[in-house]
Amino acid sequence: MTGLRDPKFVISLIVLGIFAWAFASNVSDDTMKGAIIGALNVVAGYWLGSSNSSNTVREQVGKALDIAAAAQPTAQPDVILHPGETAQASS
């Protein structure tokens, strides 16, 4: 999913909204200023950091495995064993 309907984007907006609301409730508190800066860092780190790149890698690996699976020839067995039969390797 991309765009504004992406759940990750919505969650990021909610996190920033909660911290912005708390900051607006008590503007003079320096702790809240630090908290809003921290929330911004967490959201920016998530979108620009390792979780975003790991999602990209996961998608690329999935596509590569799909391509590799489609390229595999379907091998037919030399001998088909029926129930009760056993096979012995020739020496």
Protein backbone atom coordinates (compact mmCIF):
# COMPACT_ATOMS: atom_id res chain seq x y z
CA MET A 1 0.00 0.00 0.00
CA THR A 2 1.27 3.45 -0.74
CA GLY A 3 0.23 6.97 -0.06
CA LEU A 4 -1.90 8.41 2.69
CA ARG A 5 -3.82 5.19 3.30
CA ASP A 6 -0.70 3.24 4.27
CA PRO A 7 -1.12 1.99 7.87
CA LYS A 8 2.48 2.95 8.73
CA PHE A 9 1.81 6.52 7.63
CA VAL A 10 -1.42 6.71 9.64
CA ILE A 11 0.29 5.36 12.77
CA SER A 12 3.10 7.89 12.35
CA LEU A 13 0.57 10.72 12.10
CA ILE A 14 -1.24 9.47 15.19
CA VAL A 15 2.01 9.34 17.19
CA LEU A 16 2.94 12.86 16.13
CA GLY A 17 -0.62 14.06 16.81
CA ILE A 18 -0.61 12.71 20.36
CA PHE A 19 2.70 14.38 21.15
CA ALA A 20 1.57 17.64 19.50
CA TRP A 21 -1.63 17.60 21.58
CA ALA A 22 0.34 16.99 24.78
CA PHE A 23 2.75 19.80 23.87
CA ALA A 24 -0.13 22.19 23.13
CA SER A 25 -1.58 21.41 26.57
CA ASN A 26 1.59 22.56 28.33
CA VAL A 27 3.72 24.73 26.02
CA SER A 28 6.02 26.09 28.73
CA ASP A 29 7.20 22.64 29.88
CA ASP A 30 10.70 21.87 28.58
CA THR A 31 10.09 18.14 29.07
CA MET A 32 7.27 18.29 26.51
CA LYS A 33 9.55 20.07 24.05
CA GLY A 34 12.01 17.21 24.40
CA ALA A 35 9.21 14.66 24.03
CA ILE A 36 7.92 16.21 20.79
CA ILE A 37 11.48 16.29 19.39
CA GLY A 38 11.89 12.65 20.42
CA ALA A 39 8.63 11.66 18.73
CA LEU A 40 9.74 13.42 15.55
CA ASN A 41 13.04 11.53 15.68
CA VAL A 42 11.30 8.20 16.16
CA VAL A 43 8.97 8.77 13.21
CA ALA A 44 11.73 10.08 10.95
CA GLY A 45 14.01 7.22 11.98
CA TYR A 46 11.33 4.70 11.19
CA TRP A 47 10.64 6.07 7.72
CA LEU A 48 14.25 6.73 6.79
CA GLY A 49 15.95 4.04 8.84
CA SER A 50 16.42 0.32 8.86
CA SER A 51 12.76 -0.73 9.04
CA ASN A 52 11.97 0.91 5.74
CA SER A 53 15.03 -0.57 4.05
CA SER A 54 14.35 -4.02 5.52
CA ASN A 55 10.84 -3.94 4.04
CA THR A 56 12.35 -3.11 0.65
CA VAL A 57 14.84 -5.96 0.96
CA ARG A 58 12.07 -8.37 1.99
CA GLU A 59 10.01 -7.43 -1.08
CA GLN A 60 13.02 -7.81 -3.38
CA VAL A 61 13.92 -11.23 -1.95
CA GLY A 62 10.32 -12.38 -2.36
CA LYS A 63 10.31 -11.33 -6.01
CA ALA A 64 13.66 -13.05 -6.60
CA LEU A 65 12.39 -16.28 -5.03
CA ASP A 66 9.26 -16.15 -7.18
CA ILE A 67 11.39 -15.75 -10.30
CA ALA A 68 13.72 -18.57 -9.23
CA ALA A 69 10.79 -20.90 -8.51
CA ALA A 70 9.26 -20.17 -11.91
CA ALA A 71 12.59 -20.92 -13.64
CA GLN A 72 13.01 -24.33 -12.00
CA PRO A 73 12.37 -27.19 -14.43
CA THR A 74 9.95 -29.79 -13.19
CA ALA A 75 11.96 -33.01 -12.83
CA GLN A 76 10.31 -36.36 -13.45
CA PRO A 77 11.48 -39.31 -11.31
CA ASP A 78 13.26 -42.20 -13.02
CA VAL A 79 11.29 -44.79 -11.09
CA ILE A 80 7.94 -44.58 -9.33
CA LEU A 81 7.61 -46.77 -6.25
CA HIS A 82 4.23 -48.15 -5.29
CA PRO A 83 3.18 -48.86 -1.68
CA GLY A 84 5.15 -51.75 -0.25
CA GLU A 85 8.01 -51.51 -2.76
CA THR A 86 11.55 -50.59 -1.74
CA ALA A 87 14.41 -49.20 -3.75
CA GLN A 88 18.03 -50.22 -3.67
CA ALA A 89 20.91 -48.21 -5.01
CA SER A 90 23.14 -49.95 -7.52
CA SER A 91 26.79 -50.13 -6.60
